Amino acid sequence: MFYFAINNFMAAELIAGFLQGTIALLFLLLLVRNIYTVSQERKGCSVSGCKITDIIVNLFRKKDA
């Protein structure tokens, strides 16, 4: 999408280039957010971090004697 946006800017089609560039940035933002969310869920964490789940895990952890 960035390639097409740059081509539209070079062809002096500014509105199409701006629109495709914006769409490309939004898709990139969505992809980064999804990668972050999946990596946090695989760790067993909430999306905002591991603080709450770590507290719950510590409540039920077996104590070594």
Protein backbone atom coordinates (compact mmCIF):
# COMPACT_ATOMS: atom_id res chain seq x y z
CA MET A 1 0.00 0.00 0.00
CA PHE A 2 2.88 2.36 0.71
CA TYR A 3 4.25 1.63 -2.73
CA PHE A 4 0.96 2.59 -4.37
CA ALA A 5 0.70 5.70 -2.22
CA ILE A 6 4.17 6.83 -3.28
CA ASN A 7 3.33 6.12 -6.92
CA ASN A 8 0.18 8.23 -6.66
CA PHE A 9 2.13 11.10 -5.12
CA MET A 10 4.66 10.90 -7.95
CA ALA A 11 1.82 10.91 -10.50
CA ALA A 12 0.44 14.07 -8.85
CA GLU A 13 -2.68 12.31 -7.60
CA LEU A 14 -2.46 13.71 -4.10
CA ILE A 15 -5.87 12.69 -2.77
CA ALA A 16 -5.47 9.05 -3.81
CA GLY A 17 -1.92 8.98 -2.47
CA PHE A 18 -2.96 10.48 0.85
CA LEU A 19 -5.88 8.06 1.18
CA GLN A 20 -3.77 4.99 0.38
CA GLY A 21 -1.02 6.17 2.71
CA THR A 22 -3.51 6.64 5.51
CA ILE A 23 -4.99 3.19 4.95
CA ALA A 24 -1.50 1.66 4.94
CA LEU A 25 -0.63 3.35 8.25
CA LEU A 26 -3.87 2.16 9.84
CA PHE A 27 -3.25 -1.42 8.69
CA LEU A 28 0.26 -1.23 10.12
CA LEU A 29 -1.12 0.05 13.42
CA LEU A 30 -3.69 -2.76 13.49
CA LEU A 31 -1.02 -5.36 12.76
CA VAL A 32 1.27 -4.10 15.53
CA ARG A 33 -1.62 -4.04 18.00
CA ASN A 34 -2.63 -7.60 17.11
CA ILE A 35 0.94 -8.87 17.48
CA TYR A 36 1.19 -7.21 20.91
CA THR A 37 -2.18 -8.62 22.02
CA VAL A 38 -1.35 -12.17 20.94
CA SER A 39 2.07 -12.08 22.59
CA GLN A 40 0.55 -10.87 25.85
CA GLU A 41 -2.18 -13.53 25.75
CA ARG A 42 0.38 -16.28 25.13
CA LYS A 43 2.26 -15.16 28.24
CA GLY A 44 -0.99 -15.42 30.17
CA CYS A 45 -1.21 -11.69 30.64
CA SER A 46 -3.96 -9.25 30.06
CA VAL A 47 -3.53 -6.80 27.20
CA SER A 48 -2.64 -4.01 29.60
CA GLY A 49 0.09 -6.05 31.29
CA CYS A 50 0.74 -8.95 33.62
CA LYS A 51 0.06 -7.28 36.96
CA ILE A 52 -3.41 -8.70 37.67
CA THR A 53 -2.68 -12.23 36.48
CA ASP A 54 0.59 -12.32 38.42
CA ILE A 55 -1.29 -11.43 41.61
CA ILE A 56 -3.82 -14.22 41.02
CA VAL A 57 -1.08 -16.76 40.25
CA ASN A 58 0.77 -15.81 43.43
CA LEU A 59 -2.36 -16.48 45.51
CA PHE A 60 -2.55 -20.11 44.36
CA ARG A 61 1.16 -20.92 44.10
CA LYS A 62 2.37 -23.96 45.99
CA LYS A 63 4.76 -23.08 48.75
CA ASP A 64 7.96 -25.10 48.87
CA ALA A 65 8.66 -26.28 52.38
